[in-house]
């Protein structure tokens, strides 16, 4: 990605979030439960066939609009998130307006996620060389998991057509969620790195091989003495997608 671009890792983790942490673009403002983990996953929308954008006629000189074909304009909606690549790099944009008649998609600054930057040094302007380079476009989904102060485990999807984002309740009476990441990284002595509760750099994002999640819940009803029993469960999964190559898998042979 070009300099100053927003870096969206395939997995972005927040370990034991501090008090008063709020969820991006929440209205009314939603506060994350103190001491819980959050996780954001970047995902290609497999239902969208990528589009090739020809040079000189697709992206304007300041990187604020994208012109698509008459056959493709109907595939787009305001609020969606796209990943655009060229020989110079790549960037993310969010659609802020759509004109079906002119087949123009606007990616103006001030979008809800802070992805768009136009003008001098703008991301789209840079990777398209002011619109003179051919580019390719694919639709993305950004999935965010968190627990609210009301003990609700939530799934927030960014890039939803026409509304921008959507919240879904996964479970109630959730006290805590903790993520742990096993990495394919060794030290100078060849020892495998210990699992970590947070991912802080590109090397770690590329090296994720397994994700372990521990969920702690409480009973919805009190029992004798006014107590609410709690229960914790842990599971792990190997990660498979475009970035996590060499995922841990069973092998055969002696």
C-alpha atoms as a PDB file:
ATOM      1  CA  UNK A   1       0.000   0.000   0.000  1.00  0.00           C
ATOM      2  CA  UNK A   2       1.164   3.592  -0.526  1.00  0.00           C
ATOM      3  CA  UNK A   3       2.411   5.732   2.326  1.00  0.00           C
ATOM      4  CA  UNK A   4      -0.279   7.015   4.733  1.00  0.00           C
ATOM      5  CA  UNK A   5      -2.768   4.383   3.540  1.00  0.00           C
ATOM      6  CA  UNK A   6      -5.002   2.770   6.126  1.00  0.00           C
ATOM      7  CA  UNK A   7      -3.485  -0.651   6.851  1.00  0.00           C
ATOM      8  CA  UNK A   8      -6.190  -3.291   7.273  1.00  0.00           C
ATOM      9  CA  UNK A   9      -4.666  -6.585   8.347  1.00  0.00           C
ATOM     10  CA  UNK A  10      -6.423  -9.843   7.539  1.00  0.00           C
ATOM     11  CA  UNK A  11      -6.833 -10.140  11.312  1.00  0.00           C
ATOM     12  CA  UNK A  12      -6.611  -7.129  13.614  1.00  0.00           C
ATOM     13  CA  UNK A  13      -6.767  -7.873  17.325  1.00  0.00           C
ATOM     14  CA  UNK A  14      -7.386  -5.807  20.454  1.00  0.00           C
ATOM     15  CA  UNK A  15      -6.259  -7.498  23.655  1.00  0.00           C
ATOM     16  CA  UNK A  16      -8.030  -6.638  26.922  1.00  0.00           C
ATOM     17  CA  UNK A  17      -9.513  -3.358  25.721  1.00  0.00           C
ATOM     18  CA  UNK A  18      -9.349  -0.487  28.229  1.00  0.00           C
ATOM     19  CA  UNK A  19     -12.352   1.176  29.809  1.00  0.00           C
ATOM     20  CA  UNK A  20     -14.478   3.572  27.730  1.00  0.00           C
ATOM     21  CA  UNK A  21     -13.433   2.019  24.380  1.00  0.00           C
ATOM     22  CA  UNK A  22     -16.191   2.667  21.843  1.00  0.00           C
ATOM     23  CA  UNK A  23     -17.114   0.890  18.607  1.00  0.00           C
ATOM     24  CA  UNK A  24     -16.427   2.782  15.369  1.00  0.00           C
ATOM     25  CA  UNK A  25     -19.496   4.491  13.858  1.00  0.00           C
ATOM     26  CA  UNK A  26     -21.872   3.202  16.563  1.00  0.00           C
ATOM     27  CA  UNK A  27     -25.055   5.246  17.000  1.00  0.00           C
ATOM     28  CA  UNK A  28     -26.023   5.393  19.798  1.00  0.00           C
ATOM     29  CA  UNK A  29     -22.459   5.104  21.025  1.00  0.00           C
ATOM     30  CA  UNK A  30     -21.622   1.521  22.036  1.00  0.00           C
ATOM     31  CA  UNK A  31     -18.970   0.873  24.665  1.00  0.00           C
ATOM     32  CA  UNK A  32     -16.930  -2.333  24.624  1.00  0.00           C
ATOM     33  CA  UNK A  33     -16.894  -4.370  27.841  1.00  0.00           C
ATOM     34  CA  UNK A  34     -13.684  -3.563  29.714  1.00  0.00           C
ATOM     35  CA  UNK A  35     -10.973  -6.236  29.659  1.00  0.00           C
ATOM     36  CA  UNK A  36     -12.453  -8.240  26.776  1.00  0.00           C
ATOM     37  CA  UNK A  37     -10.775  -8.937  23.438  1.00  0.00           C
ATOM     38  CA  UNK A  38     -11.944  -7.689  20.055  1.00  0.00           C
ATOM     39  CA  UNK A  39     -11.183  -9.092  16.627  1.00  0.00           C
ATOM     40  CA  UNK A  40     -11.616  -7.699  13.128  1.00  0.00           C
ATOM     41  CA  UNK A  41     -11.409  -9.966  10.076  1.00  0.00           C
ATOM     42  CA  UNK A  42     -10.922  -8.778   6.512  1.00  0.00           C
ATOM     43  CA  UNK A  43     -12.658 -11.004   3.965  1.00  0.00           C
ATOM     44  CA  UNK A  44     -13.053 -11.047   0.176  1.00  0.00           C
ATOM     45  CA  UNK A  45     -16.696 -11.109  -0.903  1.00  0.00           C
ATOM     46  CA  UNK A  46     -16.683 -14.317  -2.925  1.00  0.00           C
ATOM     47  CA  UNK A  47     -20.040 -13.431  -4.491  1.00  0.00           C
ATOM     48  CA  UNK A  48     -18.557 -10.466  -6.359  1.00  0.00           C
ATOM     49  CA  UNK A  49     -16.574 -11.096  -9.543  1.00  0.00           C
ATOM     50  CA  UNK A  50     -13.585  -8.680  -9.622  1.00  0.00           C
ATOM     51  CA  UNK A  51     -13.698  -5.925 -12.235  1.00  0.00           C
ATOM     52  CA  UNK A  52     -10.828  -4.675 -14.395  1.00  0.00           C
ATOM     53  CA  UNK A  53     -10.774  -0.863 -14.614  1.00  0.00           C
ATOM     54  CA  UNK A  54      -9.126   0.434 -17.834  1.00  0.00           C
ATOM     55  CA  UNK A  55      -6.567   3.232 -17.618  1.00  0.00           C
ATOM     56  CA  UNK A  56      -7.488   6.890 -18.319  1.00  0.00           C
ATOM     57  CA  UNK A  57     -11.272   6.364 -18.304  1.00  0.00           C
ATOM     58  CA  UNK A  58     -11.952   4.790 -14.897  1.00  0.00           C
ATOM     59  CA  UNK A  59     -10.392   6.823 -12.063  1.00  0.00           C
ATOM     60  CA  UNK A  60     -10.282  10.618 -12.078  1.00  0.00           C
ATOM     61  CA  UNK A  61      -7.046  12.590 -11.628  1.00  0.00           C
ATOM     62  CA  UNK A  62      -7.523  13.257  -7.904  1.00  0.00           C
ATOM     63  CA  UNK A  63      -8.771   9.801  -6.980  1.00  0.00           C
ATOM     64  CA  UNK A  64     -12.263  10.851  -5.911  1.00  0.00           C
ATOM     65  CA  UNK A  65     -14.434   8.989  -8.439  1.00  0.00           C
ATOM     66  CA  UNK A  66     -14.513   5.658 -10.255  1.00  0.00           C
ATOM     67  CA  UNK A  67     -16.359   5.205 -13.546  1.00  0.00           C
ATOM     68  CA  UNK A  68     -17.558   1.697 -14.358  1.00  0.00           C
ATOM     69  CA  UNK A  69     -19.391   0.193 -17.306  1.00  0.00           C
ATOM     70  CA  UNK A  70     -23.151   0.327 -17.783  1.00  0.00           C
ATOM     71  CA  UNK A  71     -23.219  -3.432 -17.246  1.00  0.00           C
ATOM     72  CA  UNK A  72     -21.470  -3.126 -13.875  1.00  0.00           C
ATOM     73  CA  UNK A  73     -22.958  -0.002 -12.255  1.00  0.00           C
ATOM     74  CA  UNK A  74     -25.889  -1.987 -10.879  1.00  0.00           C
ATOM     75  CA  UNK A  75     -23.515  -4.187  -8.884  1.00  0.00           C
ATOM     76  CA  UNK A  76     -22.493  -1.323  -6.598  1.00  0.00           C
ATOM     77  CA  UNK A  77     -24.149   0.365  -3.635  1.00  0.00           C
ATOM     78  CA  UNK A  78     -23.284   3.196  -1.247  1.00  0.00           C
ATOM     79  CA  UNK A  79     -21.500   1.990   1.889  1.00  0.00           C
ATOM     80  CA  UNK A  80     -19.691  -0.942   0.291  1.00  0.00           C
ATOM     81  CA  UNK A  81     -15.937  -1.385   0.750  1.00  0.00           C
ATOM     82  CA  UNK A  82     -13.631  -2.215  -2.155  1.00  0.00           C
ATOM     83  CA  UNK A  83      -9.979  -3.166  -2.579  1.00  0.00           C
ATOM     84  CA  UNK A  84      -8.300  -1.627  -5.635  1.00  0.00           C
ATOM     85  CA  UNK A  85      -4.922  -2.797  -6.927  1.00  0.00           C
ATOM     86  CA  UNK A  86      -2.452  -1.731  -9.606  1.00  0.00           C
ATOM     87  CA  UNK A  87       1.200  -2.230 -10.471  1.00  0.00           C
ATOM     88  CA  UNK A  88       2.016   0.547  -7.973  1.00  0.00           C
ATOM     89  CA  UNK A  89       0.180  -0.839  -4.966  1.00  0.00           C
ATOM     90  CA  UNK A  90      -3.274  -1.190  -3.470  1.00  0.00           C
ATOM     91  CA  UNK A  91      -5.777   0.671  -1.339  1.00  0.00           C
ATOM     92  CA  UNK A  92      -9.219   0.364   0.245  1.00  0.00           C
ATOM     93  CA  UNK A  93     -12.119   2.685  -0.512  1.00  0.00           C
ATOM     94  CA  UNK A  94     -15.710   3.022   0.657  1.00  0.00           C
ATOM     95  CA  UNK A  95     -18.433   4.109  -1.776  1.00  0.00           C
ATOM     96  CA  UNK A  96     -20.012   7.374  -0.540  1.00  0.00           C
ATOM     97  CA  UNK A  97     -22.271   8.129  -3.542  1.00  0.00           C
ATOM     98  CA  UNK A  98     -23.458   6.494  -6.759  1.00  0.00           C
ATOM     99  CA  UNK A  99     -24.807   8.011  -9.988  1.00  0.00           C
ATOM    100  CA  UNK A 100     -26.361   5.326 -12.155  1.00  0.00           C
ATOM    101  CA  UNK A 101     -26.846   7.653 -15.137  1.00  0.00           C
ATOM    102  CA  UNK A 102     -23.193   8.679 -15.407  1.00  0.00           C
ATOM    103  CA  UNK A 103     -21.940   5.311 -14.060  1.00  0.00           C
ATOM    104  CA  UNK A 104     -19.839   7.169 -11.480  1.00  0.00           C
ATOM    105  CA  UNK A 105     -18.978   5.947  -7.978  1.00  0.00           C
ATOM    106  CA  UNK A 106     -17.786   8.590  -5.510  1.00  0.00           C
ATOM    107  CA  UNK A 107     -15.193   7.778  -2.847  1.00  0.00           C
ATOM    108  CA  UNK A 108     -15.095  11.111  -1.012  1.00  0.00           C
ATOM    109  CA  UNK A 109     -13.200  11.828   2.173  1.00  0.00           C
ATOM    110  CA  UNK A 110     -15.187  11.741   5.393  1.00  0.00           C
ATOM    111  CA  UNK A 111     -16.479   8.176   4.920  1.00  0.00           C
ATOM    112  CA  UNK A 112     -17.547   6.333   8.070  1.00  0.00           C
ATOM    113  CA  UNK A 113     -14.404   4.196   8.206  1.00  0.00           C
ATOM    114  CA  UNK A 114     -11.836   6.829   7.298  1.00  0.00           C
ATOM    115  CA  UNK A 115     -10.604   4.854   4.295  1.00  0.00           C
ATOM    116  CA  UNK A 116     -10.909   7.488   1.563  1.00  0.00           C
ATOM    117  CA  UNK A 117      -8.293  10.147   0.932  1.00  0.00           C
ATOM    118  CA  UNK A 118      -8.423  12.262  -2.226  1.00  0.00           C
ATOM    119  CA  UNK A 119      -6.259  14.999  -3.708  1.00  0.00           C
ATOM    120  CA  UNK A 120      -2.475  15.282  -3.439  1.00  0.00           C
ATOM    121  CA  UNK A 121      -1.095  12.160  -1.799  1.00  0.00           C
ATOM    122  CA  UNK A 122      -4.478  10.442  -1.929  1.00  0.00           C
ATOM    123  CA  UNK A 123      -4.454   6.662  -1.905  1.00  0.00           C
ATOM    124  CA  UNK A 124      -6.477   6.055  -5.065  1.00  0.00           C
ATOM    125  CA  UNK A 125      -4.700   8.846  -6.933  1.00  0.00           C
ATOM    126  CA  UNK A 126      -1.329   7.359  -5.998  1.00  0.00           C
ATOM    127  CA  UNK A 127      -1.924   3.730  -6.932  1.00  0.00           C
ATOM    128  CA  UNK A 128      -3.647   4.689 -10.216  1.00  0.00           C
ATOM    129  CA  UNK A 129      -0.998   7.315 -11.055  1.00  0.00           C
ATOM    130  CA  UNK A 130      -3.703  10.001 -11.279  1.00  0.00           C
ATOM    131  CA  UNK A 131      -5.968   7.671 -13.217  1.00  0.00           C
ATOM    132  CA  UNK A 132      -3.457   6.769 -15.910  1.00  0.00           C
ATOM    133  CA  UNK A 133      -2.873   3.158 -14.812  1.00  0.00           C
ATOM    134  CA  UNK A 134      -5.159   0.177 -15.223  1.00  0.00           C
ATOM    135  CA  UNK A 135      -6.479  -1.162 -11.918  1.00  0.00           C
ATOM    136  CA  UNK A 136      -8.551  -4.044 -10.592  1.00  0.00           C
ATOM    137  CA  UNK A 137     -11.384  -3.851  -8.086  1.00  0.00           C
ATOM    138  CA  UNK A 138     -12.848  -6.435  -5.682  1.00  0.00           C
ATOM    139  CA  UNK A 139     -15.486  -6.155  -2.957  1.00  0.00           C
ATOM    140  CA  UNK A 140     -14.485  -6.709   0.656  1.00  0.00           C
ATOM    141  CA  UNK A 141     -16.220  -7.430   3.938  1.00  0.00           C
ATOM    142  CA  UNK A 142     -14.916  -6.247   7.294  1.00  0.00           C
ATOM    143  CA  UNK A 143     -16.249  -8.310  10.209  1.00  0.00           C
ATOM    144  CA  UNK A 144     -15.822  -7.029  13.769  1.00  0.00           C
ATOM    145  CA  UNK A 145     -16.494  -9.089  16.926  1.00  0.00           C
ATOM    146  CA  UNK A 146     -16.845  -7.481  20.364  1.00  0.00           C
ATOM    147  CA  UNK A 147     -18.749  -7.620  23.676  1.00  0.00           C
ATOM    148  CA  UNK A 148     -20.868  -4.704  24.865  1.00  0.00           C
ATOM    149  CA  UNK A 149     -21.271  -3.415  28.409  1.00  0.00           C
ATOM    150  CA  UNK A 150     -24.646  -5.173  28.317  1.00  0.00           C
ATOM    151  CA  UNK A 151     -22.826  -8.555  27.956  1.00  0.00           C
ATOM    152  CA  UNK A 152     -23.872  -9.057  24.349  1.00  0.00           C
ATOM    153  CA  UNK A 153     -21.445 -10.779  21.964  1.00  0.00           C
ATOM    154  CA  UNK A 154     -21.823  -8.806  18.729  1.00  0.00           C
ATOM    155  CA  UNK A 155     -20.899  -9.261  15.102  1.00  0.00           C
ATOM    156  CA  UNK A 156     -20.608  -5.983  13.163  1.00  0.00           C
ATOM    157  CA  UNK A 157     -20.249  -6.130   9.391  1.00  0.00           C
ATOM    158  CA  UNK A 158     -18.857  -3.059   7.632  1.00  0.00           C
ATOM    159  CA  UNK A 159     -19.432  -2.450   3.933  1.00  0.00           C
ATOM    160  CA  UNK A 160     -23.121  -3.423   3.905  1.00  0.00           C
ATOM    161  CA  UNK A 161     -24.918  -2.072   0.788  1.00  0.00           C
ATOM    162  CA  UNK A 162     -26.887   1.161   1.354  1.00  0.00           C
ATOM    163  CA  UNK A 163     -26.547   1.134   5.147  1.00  0.00           C
ATOM    164  CA  UNK A 164     -22.767   0.893   5.574  1.00  0.00           C
ATOM    165  CA  UNK A 165     -22.825  -1.493   8.524  1.00  0.00           C
ATOM    166  CA  UNK A 166     -25.028  -4.010  10.304  1.00  0.00           C
ATOM    167  CA  UNK A 167     -24.965  -5.387  13.865  1.00  0.00           C
ATOM    168  CA  UNK A 168     -26.040  -8.910  14.812  1.00  0.00           C
ATOM    169  CA  UNK A 169     -26.316 -10.360  18.319  1.00  0.00           C
ATOM    170  CA  UNK A 170     -24.499 -13.697  18.549  1.00  0.00           C
ATOM    171  CA  UNK A 171     -25.061 -14.471  22.230  1.00  0.00           C
ATOM    172  CA  UNK A 172     -26.276 -12.927  25.489  1.00  0.00           C
ATOM    173  CA  UNK A 173     -24.820 -13.067  29.015  1.00  0.00           C
ATOM    174  CA  UNK A 174     -21.255 -13.190  27.665  1.00  0.00           C
ATOM    175  CA  UNK A 175     -18.743 -11.971  30.247  1.00  0.00           C
ATOM    176  CA  UNK A 176     -15.510 -12.297  28.313  1.00  0.00           C
ATOM    177  CA  UNK A 177     -13.918 -13.378  25.045  1.00  0.00           C
ATOM    178  CA  UNK A 178     -10.172 -13.942  24.740  1.00  0.00           C
ATOM    179  CA  UNK A 179      -8.286 -14.693  21.522  1.00  0.00           C
ATOM    180  CA  UNK A 180      -4.880 -16.370  21.380  1.00  0.00           C
ATOM    181  CA  UNK A 181      -2.814 -16.688  18.206  1.00  0.00           C
ATOM    182  CA  UNK A 182      -0.273 -19.408  17.354  1.00  0.00           C
ATOM    183  CA  UNK A 183       2.381 -18.078  14.976  1.00  0.00           C
ATOM    184  CA  UNK A 184       4.783 -19.690  12.534  1.00  0.00           C
ATOM    185  CA  UNK A 185       7.700 -17.648  13.860  1.00  0.00           C
ATOM    186  CA  UNK A 186      10.933 -18.946  15.375  1.00  0.00           C
ATOM    187  CA  UNK A 187      13.646 -17.134  17.309  1.00  0.00           C
ATOM    188  CA  UNK A 188      17.389 -17.162  16.629  1.00  0.00           C
ATOM    189  CA  UNK A 189      17.642 -20.562  18.347  1.00  0.00           C
ATOM    190  CA  UNK A 190      14.908 -22.119  16.260  1.00  0.00           C
ATOM    191  CA  UNK A 191      12.332 -22.112  19.047  1.00  0.00           C
ATOM    192  CA  UNK A 192       8.722 -21.541  18.037  1.00  0.00           C
ATOM    193  CA  UNK A 193       7.249 -18.301  19.351  1.00  0.00           C
ATOM    194  CA  UNK A 194       4.811 -18.632  22.217  1.00  0.00           C
ATOM    195  CA  UNK A 195       1.138 -17.951  21.413  1.00  0.00           C
ATOM    196  CA  UNK A 196       0.214 -14.308  21.754  1.00  0.00           C
ATOM    197  CA  UNK A 197      -2.973 -12.496  22.681  1.00  0.00           C
ATOM    198  CA  UNK A 198      -2.451  -9.680  20.207  1.00  0.00           C
ATOM    199  CA  UNK A 199      -1.092  -9.192  16.686  1.00  0.00           C
ATOM    200  CA  UNK A 200       0.953  -6.030  16.339  1.00  0.00           C
ATOM    201  CA  UNK A 201       2.832  -6.152  13.033  1.00  0.00           C
ATOM    202  CA  UNK A 202       2.801  -7.492   9.477  1.00  0.00           C
ATOM    203  CA  UNK A 203       5.157 -10.388  10.265  1.00  0.00           C
ATOM    204  CA  UNK A 204       2.725 -11.704  12.876  1.00  0.00           C
ATOM    205  CA  UNK A 205      -0.295 -11.299  10.598  1.00  0.00           C
ATOM    206  CA  UNK A 206       1.419 -13.376   7.927  1.00  0.00           C
ATOM    207  CA  UNK A 207       2.484 -15.983  10.477  1.00  0.00           C
ATOM    208  CA  UNK A 208      -0.892 -16.741  12.094  1.00  0.00           C
ATOM    209  CA  UNK A 209      -1.561 -20.478  11.878  1.00  0.00           C
ATOM    210  CA  UNK A 210      -4.132 -21.148  14.593  1.00  0.00           C
ATOM    211  CA  UNK A 211      -6.618 -19.012  16.492  1.00  0.00           C
ATOM    212  CA  UNK A 212      -7.772 -20.088  19.956  1.00  0.00           C
ATOM    213  CA  UNK A 213     -10.860 -18.495  21.466  1.00  0.00           C
ATOM    214  CA  UNK A 214     -12.073 -18.728  25.066  1.00  0.00           C
ATOM    215  CA  UNK A 215     -15.613 -17.601  25.863  1.00  0.00           C
ATOM    216  CA  UNK A 216     -16.918 -17.055  29.389  1.00  0.00           C
ATOM    217  CA  UNK A 217     -20.673 -16.848  29.951  1.00  0.00           C
ATOM    218  CA  UNK A 218     -22.995 -16.570  32.932  1.00  0.00           C
ATOM    219  CA  UNK A 219     -26.324 -18.242  33.579  1.00  0.00           C
ATOM    220  CA  UNK A 220     -29.291 -16.036  32.627  1.00  0.00           C
ATOM    221  CA  UNK A 221     -30.971 -16.723  35.985  1.00  0.00           C
ATOM    222  CA  UNK A 222     -29.718 -16.434  39.545  1.00  0.00           C
ATOM    223  CA  UNK A 223     -29.630 -19.493  41.776  1.00  0.00           C
ATOM    224  CA  UNK A 224     -29.769 -19.905  45.522  1.00  0.00           C
ATOM    225  CA  UNK A 225     -27.919 -17.091  47.205  1.00  0.00           C
ATOM    226  CA  UNK A 226     -28.473 -14.747  44.254  1.00  0.00           C
ATOM    227  CA  UNK A 227     -25.456 -16.047  42.363  1.00  0.00           C
ATOM    228  CA  UNK A 228     -25.119 -16.494  38.595  1.00  0.00           C
ATOM    229  CA  UNK A 229     -22.810 -19.429  37.790  1.00  0.00           C
ATOM    230  CA  UNK A 230     -20.231 -18.913  35.039  1.00  0.00           C
ATOM    231  CA  UNK A 231     -18.855 -21.322  32.465  1.00  0.00           C
ATOM    232  CA  UNK A 232     -15.840 -21.053  30.151  1.00  0.00           C
ATOM    233  CA  UNK A 233     -15.101 -22.974  26.977  1.00  0.00           C
ATOM    234  CA  UNK A 234     -12.073 -22.967  24.684  1.00  0.00           C
ATOM    235  CA  UNK A 235     -11.691 -24.045  21.071  1.00  0.00           C
ATOM    236  CA  UNK A 236      -9.131 -23.494  18.315  1.00  0.00           C
ATOM    237  CA  UNK A 237      -9.133 -23.523  14.564  1.00  0.00           C
ATOM    238  CA  UNK A 238      -6.536 -23.571  11.805  1.00  0.00           C
ATOM    239  CA  UNK A 239      -6.744 -20.568   9.560  1.00  0.00           C
ATOM    240  CA  UNK A 240      -7.114 -20.943   5.800  1.00  0.00           C
ATOM    241  CA  UNK A 241      -7.415 -18.023   3.410  1.00  0.00           C
ATOM    242  CA  UNK A 242      -5.468 -16.059   0.825  1.00  0.00           C
ATOM    243  CA  UNK A 243      -2.903 -14.749   3.280  1.00  0.00           C
ATOM    244  CA  UNK A 244      -2.532 -17.586   5.764  1.00  0.00           C
ATOM    245  CA  UNK A 245      -0.555 -20.083   3.752  1.00  0.00           C
ATOM    246  CA  UNK A 246       0.886 -23.219   5.367  1.00  0.00           C
ATOM    247  CA  UNK A 247      -1.999 -23.471   7.837  1.00  0.00           C
ATOM    248  CA  UNK A 248      -1.515 -26.226  10.380  1.00  0.00           C
ATOM    249  CA  UNK A 249      -2.987 -29.402   8.926  1.00  0.00           C
ATOM    250  CA  UNK A 250      -2.761 -33.111   9.777  1.00  0.00           C
ATOM    251  CA  UNK A 251      -0.017 -34.962   7.917  1.00  0.00           C
ATOM    252  CA  UNK A 252       0.432 -38.623   7.018  1.00  0.00           C
ATOM    253  CA  UNK A 253       3.462 -40.815   7.101  1.00  0.00           C
ATOM    254  CA  UNK A 254       5.839 -41.902   9.790  1.00  0.00           C
END
